[in-house]
Amino acid sequence: MNKQLLQSYIVKYDGNQKNLAEALGISLSRLNAKMNCYGGAEFTQSEMAFIKARYGLGDEEFNQIFFANLVS
């Protein structure tokens, strides 16, 4: 997970994390847990698809954000 890259899109399109959390229907603390992979929290496939559509991410940007730490 590339938290910094996701954060840059959040700031650009939503202004802050609270707006994205509300759009996802989750609490701000839950969004932070997912962004920090805290306690095993992860974005669901539907949440990732929502973020991709909301920010108009291409496949490369999407993969850089959500799969940055995976080894191919």
Foldseek 3Di string as FASTA:
>chain_A
DPLVLLQVLCCVQPVDQCRLCVVVVHHSVLVVCQSVCNPVRHDDPVSLVVSCVSSVPDPVSSCCRRVVPDDD
